[in-house]
Structures are given as C-alpha cells and as structure tokens.
N, C-alpha and C. Protein backbone atom coordinates (compact mmCIF):
# COMPACT_ATOMS: atom_id res chain seq x y z
N MET A 1 182.87 36.68 94.46
CA MET A 1 184.10 37.40 94.71
C MET A 1 185.16 36.92 93.74
N GLU A 2 185.89 37.84 93.20
CA GLU A 2 186.98 37.52 92.29
C GLU A 2 188.22 37.12 93.08
N LEU A 3 189.06 36.33 92.44
CA LEU A 3 190.28 35.85 93.09
C LEU A 3 191.15 37.02 93.57
N ALA A 4 191.29 38.04 92.75
CA ALA A 4 192.12 39.20 93.13
C ALA A 4 191.57 39.89 94.38
N ALA A 5 190.27 39.99 94.48
CA ALA A 5 189.65 40.63 95.65
C ALA A 5 189.90 39.79 96.90
N PHE A 6 189.81 38.48 96.78
CA PHE A 6 190.06 37.62 97.93
C PHE A 6 191.53 37.70 98.35
N GLN A 7 192.44 37.69 97.38
CA GLN A 7 193.86 37.80 97.70
C GLN A 7 194.15 39.13 98.40
N LEU A 8 193.52 40.20 97.95
CA LEU A 8 193.70 41.50 98.59
C LEU A 8 193.13 41.47 100.02
N HIS A 9 191.98 40.85 100.20
CA HIS A 9 191.38 40.73 101.54
C HIS A 9 192.34 40.01 102.49
N ILE A 10 192.93 38.92 102.03
CA ILE A 10 193.88 38.17 102.85
C ILE A 10 195.09 39.05 103.19
N ALA A 11 195.57 39.80 102.21
CA ALA A 11 196.73 40.69 102.45
C ALA A 11 196.40 41.76 103.47
N GLN A 12 195.23 42.36 103.35
CA GLN A 12 194.85 43.43 104.26
C GLN A 12 194.62 42.92 105.68
N ARG A 13 194.05 41.75 105.78
CA ARG A 13 193.70 41.22 107.10
C ARG A 13 194.88 40.58 107.82
N TYR A 14 195.73 39.86 107.07
CA TYR A 14 196.79 39.07 107.69
C TYR A 14 198.20 39.42 107.24
N GLY A 15 198.33 40.37 106.33
CA GLY A 15 199.60 40.64 105.67
C GLY A 15 200.79 40.90 106.57
N ALA A 16 200.63 41.72 107.58
CA ALA A 16 201.78 42.06 108.44
C ALA A 16 202.30 40.82 109.16
N THR A 17 201.39 40.04 109.73
CA THR A 17 201.79 38.82 110.43
C THR A 17 202.40 37.82 109.47
N ASP A 18 201.79 37.68 108.30
CA ASP A 18 202.29 36.71 107.32
C ASP A 18 203.69 37.07 106.84
N CYS A 19 203.91 38.33 106.53
CA CYS A 19 205.24 38.75 106.06
C CYS A 19 206.30 38.56 107.14
N ALA A 20 205.93 38.84 108.38
CA ALA A 20 206.88 38.64 109.48
C ALA A 20 207.24 37.17 109.64
N ARG A 21 206.29 36.28 109.37
CA ARG A 21 206.54 34.84 109.49
C ARG A 21 207.44 34.37 108.35
N GLY A 22 207.26 34.93 107.17
CA GLY A 22 208.06 34.55 106.01
C GLY A 22 207.48 33.38 105.23
N ALA A 23 207.98 33.21 104.03
CA ALA A 23 207.44 32.21 103.11
C ALA A 23 207.68 30.77 103.58
N SER A 24 208.86 30.48 104.06
CA SER A 24 209.17 29.10 104.44
C SER A 24 208.30 28.62 105.58
N LYS A 25 208.16 29.43 106.63
CA LYS A 25 207.32 29.03 107.76
C LYS A 25 205.85 29.02 107.38
N THR A 26 205.46 29.94 106.51
CA THR A 26 204.07 29.97 106.05
C THR A 26 203.77 28.73 105.23
N PHE A 27 204.73 28.26 104.46
CA PHE A 27 204.51 27.05 103.68
C PHE A 27 204.23 25.86 104.59
N VAL A 28 204.86 25.82 105.75
CA VAL A 28 204.59 24.73 106.70
C VAL A 28 203.13 24.78 107.14
N TRP A 29 202.61 25.98 107.41
CA TRP A 29 201.19 26.12 107.76
C TRP A 29 200.31 25.65 106.60
N PHE A 30 200.67 26.04 105.39
CA PHE A 30 199.93 25.64 104.20
C PHE A 30 199.93 24.11 104.06
N ALA A 31 201.08 23.51 104.29
CA ALA A 31 201.19 22.05 104.20
C ALA A 31 200.28 21.37 105.23
N GLU A 32 200.20 21.93 106.41
CA GLU A 32 199.31 21.38 107.43
C GLU A 32 197.85 21.45 106.97
N GLU A 33 197.47 22.58 106.41
CA GLU A 33 196.10 22.72 105.91
C GLU A 33 195.84 21.77 104.75
N PHE A 34 196.85 21.58 103.92
CA PHE A 34 196.73 20.66 102.80
C PHE A 34 196.50 19.24 103.32
N GLY A 35 197.19 18.88 104.40
CA GLY A 35 196.98 17.57 105.02
C GLY A 35 195.58 17.43 105.57
N GLU A 36 195.05 18.50 106.17
CA GLU A 36 193.68 18.46 106.67
C GLU A 36 192.69 18.30 105.52
N LEU A 37 192.98 18.93 104.39
CA LEU A 37 192.12 18.75 103.22
C LEU A 37 192.19 17.31 102.73
N ALA A 38 193.38 16.73 102.70
CA ALA A 38 193.53 15.34 102.27
C ALA A 38 192.71 14.42 103.17
N HIS A 39 192.73 14.66 104.45
CA HIS A 39 191.96 13.86 105.40
C HIS A 39 190.46 14.01 105.13
N ALA A 40 190.00 15.23 104.90
CA ALA A 40 188.59 15.47 104.62
C ALA A 40 188.16 14.80 103.32
N ILE A 41 189.03 14.82 102.32
CA ILE A 41 188.72 14.17 101.03
C ILE A 41 188.66 12.66 101.22
N ALA A 42 189.57 12.10 102.00
CA ALA A 42 189.56 10.66 102.26
C ALA A 42 188.27 10.24 102.95
N LYS A 43 187.81 11.03 103.90
CA LYS A 43 186.55 10.73 104.57
C LYS A 43 185.39 10.81 103.59
N HIS A 44 185.44 11.80 102.72
CA HIS A 44 184.41 11.94 101.68
C HIS A 44 184.38 10.71 100.78
N ASP A 45 185.55 10.28 100.34
CA ASP A 45 185.66 9.10 99.47
C ASP A 45 185.22 7.82 100.17
N ALA A 46 185.37 7.78 101.49
CA ALA A 46 184.98 6.60 102.26
C ALA A 46 183.48 6.59 102.58
N GLY A 47 182.77 7.57 102.05
CA GLY A 47 181.34 7.61 102.27
C GLY A 47 180.94 8.26 103.58
N GLU A 48 181.85 9.02 104.16
CA GLU A 48 181.55 9.74 105.39
C GLU A 48 181.49 11.24 105.05
N PRO A 49 180.44 11.62 104.33
CA PRO A 49 180.40 13.02 103.88
C PRO A 49 180.27 14.00 105.04
N GLU A 50 181.20 14.90 105.11
CA GLU A 50 181.17 16.00 106.05
C GLU A 50 181.38 17.25 105.22
N GLN A 51 180.34 17.63 104.48
CA GLN A 51 180.47 18.71 103.51
C GLN A 51 180.96 20.00 104.13
N GLU A 52 180.49 20.32 105.32
CA GLU A 52 180.91 21.56 105.97
C GLU A 52 182.42 21.55 106.22
N ASN A 53 182.94 20.42 106.70
CA ASN A 53 184.38 20.31 106.94
C ASN A 53 185.15 20.37 105.63
N LEU A 54 184.66 19.71 104.61
CA LEU A 54 185.32 19.73 103.30
C LEU A 54 185.37 21.16 102.76
N ASP A 55 184.25 21.87 102.85
CA ASP A 55 184.21 23.26 102.41
C ASP A 55 185.24 24.11 103.16
N GLU A 56 185.30 23.92 104.49
CA GLU A 56 186.23 24.70 105.30
C GLU A 56 187.68 24.42 104.93
N GLU A 57 188.02 23.18 104.68
CA GLU A 57 189.40 22.84 104.35
C GLU A 57 189.80 23.37 102.98
N PHE A 58 188.88 23.33 102.01
CA PHE A 58 189.17 23.95 100.72
C PHE A 58 189.39 25.44 100.89
N ALA A 59 188.54 26.09 101.68
CA ALA A 59 188.68 27.53 101.92
C ALA A 59 190.00 27.85 102.61
N ASP A 60 190.37 27.04 103.60
CA ASP A 60 191.64 27.26 104.30
C ASP A 60 192.81 27.15 103.34
N CYS A 61 192.80 26.14 102.48
CA CYS A 61 193.91 25.97 101.53
C CYS A 61 194.01 27.15 100.57
N LEU A 62 192.87 27.63 100.11
CA LEU A 62 192.89 28.79 99.22
C LEU A 62 193.43 30.02 99.94
N ALA A 63 193.02 30.21 101.19
CA ALA A 63 193.50 31.36 101.95
C ALA A 63 195.01 31.29 102.16
N TRP A 64 195.51 30.12 102.52
CA TRP A 64 196.96 29.98 102.73
C TRP A 64 197.73 30.11 101.43
N LEU A 65 197.15 29.65 100.31
CA LEU A 65 197.79 29.84 99.01
C LEU A 65 197.89 31.33 98.69
N CYS A 66 196.82 32.07 98.97
CA CYS A 66 196.85 33.52 98.77
C CYS A 66 197.90 34.17 99.66
N THR A 67 198.01 33.70 100.88
CA THR A 67 199.02 34.22 101.80
C THR A 67 200.43 34.03 101.23
N LEU A 68 200.71 32.82 100.76
CA LEU A 68 202.03 32.56 100.17
C LEU A 68 202.26 33.43 98.94
N ALA A 69 201.24 33.56 98.12
CA ALA A 69 201.37 34.40 96.92
C ALA A 69 201.65 35.85 97.32
N ASN A 70 200.98 36.33 98.35
CA ASN A 70 201.22 37.71 98.80
C ASN A 70 202.65 37.89 99.27
N ILE A 71 203.14 36.96 100.07
CA ILE A 71 204.51 37.06 100.58
C ILE A 71 205.52 37.04 99.43
N CYS A 72 205.22 36.24 98.41
CA CYS A 72 206.15 36.09 97.27
C CYS A 72 205.85 37.06 96.13
N ASN A 73 204.96 38.01 96.36
CA ASN A 73 204.60 39.01 95.35
C ASN A 73 204.08 38.40 94.06
N VAL A 74 203.22 37.40 94.19
CA VAL A 74 202.59 36.77 93.03
C VAL A 74 201.13 37.18 92.98
N ASP A 75 200.72 37.73 91.86
CA ASP A 75 199.32 38.07 91.61
C ASP A 75 198.67 36.80 91.06
N LEU A 76 197.92 36.12 91.90
CA LEU A 76 197.36 34.82 91.51
C LEU A 76 196.42 34.93 90.30
N GLU A 77 195.61 35.96 90.26
CA GLU A 77 194.70 36.10 89.12
C GLU A 77 195.47 36.24 87.82
N ARG A 78 196.52 37.04 87.83
CA ARG A 78 197.36 37.20 86.63
C ARG A 78 198.06 35.89 86.29
N ALA A 79 198.60 35.22 87.31
CA ALA A 79 199.32 33.98 87.07
C ALA A 79 198.40 32.90 86.49
N VAL A 80 197.21 32.79 87.04
CA VAL A 80 196.25 31.79 86.55
C VAL A 80 195.83 32.12 85.12
N ALA A 81 195.52 33.38 84.87
CA ALA A 81 195.12 33.79 83.52
C ALA A 81 196.24 33.53 82.52
N SER A 82 197.46 33.85 82.91
CA SER A 82 198.59 33.67 82.02
C SER A 82 198.83 32.21 81.68
N LYS A 83 198.69 31.34 82.67
CA LYS A 83 198.99 29.93 82.44
C LYS A 83 197.80 29.16 81.88
N TYR A 84 196.60 29.39 82.40
CA TYR A 84 195.47 28.52 82.08
C TYR A 84 194.44 29.11 81.12
N LEU A 85 194.43 30.41 80.94
CA LEU A 85 193.41 31.02 80.09
C LEU A 85 193.95 31.56 78.78
N LYS A 86 195.26 31.59 78.62
CA LYS A 86 195.89 32.11 77.41
C LYS A 86 196.10 30.99 76.40
N ASP A 87 195.69 31.20 75.20
CA ASP A 87 195.90 30.24 74.10
C ASP A 87 195.44 28.83 74.45
N GLY A 88 194.33 28.72 75.16
CA GLY A 88 193.78 27.40 75.48
C GLY A 88 194.42 26.72 76.66
N GLY A 89 195.38 27.34 77.29
CA GLY A 89 195.99 26.76 78.48
C GLY A 89 197.01 25.69 78.15
N PRO A 90 197.58 25.08 79.19
CA PRO A 90 198.59 24.06 78.97
C PRO A 90 198.01 22.83 78.30
N LYS A 91 198.83 22.18 77.54
CA LYS A 91 198.41 20.94 76.87
C LYS A 91 198.60 19.78 77.81
N GLY A 92 197.89 18.71 77.57
CA GLY A 92 198.03 17.53 78.42
C GLY A 92 196.79 17.31 79.25
N THR A 93 196.91 16.42 80.19
CA THR A 93 195.77 16.09 81.03
C THR A 93 196.10 16.39 82.48
N LYS A 94 195.08 16.56 83.24
CA LYS A 94 195.23 16.80 84.68
C LYS A 94 194.53 15.71 85.40
C-alpha cells in the first residue's frame, strides 16, 4: 500500500471524528502513542522482544501521523517526496 492510499483510508474512516477533535487534541493522542512506541522499543532493546507489540505501536504512530496530516491539510506523500527524494534529500546525518 502506498502512503497516499493509507492516508486516504485514515481520512475516510476517521476523518469526521478527527476534524471535530482538532489538531491540538489529536497531537496529545499522537504523543501518547509515541510514548507507547518508546516503551516497546525499550523492551526490544532490553532483550524482551515483543515483535507483535512493536509492529502495532509503529502502525499506531503512522496512523496518528496521517490523522494529524489530514487535519492540517498536509499530503504526506508529497511532503516526503519533496523533502527526502528531491535532489538527494537533506544533507547531514540522521
């Protein structure tokens, strides 16, 4: 599945509720999911692999990021292509 298709799926399934909640409150939900991902990564690093939980938390973070992008009218596929795929992407290290 392409990123644009997933973002559209999130908009179609959750868009009305997400827009009613607004960006600021949605960001709080995203932050909570981000914290759950951090916890899952810490467990992974500690040698307690829970791959299913790790997969779920990554998926949740991506879904909430798409939600925020939808509320803020950001086309994630375009934004990613513009920043990371054009002219070799940003310089520096990550």
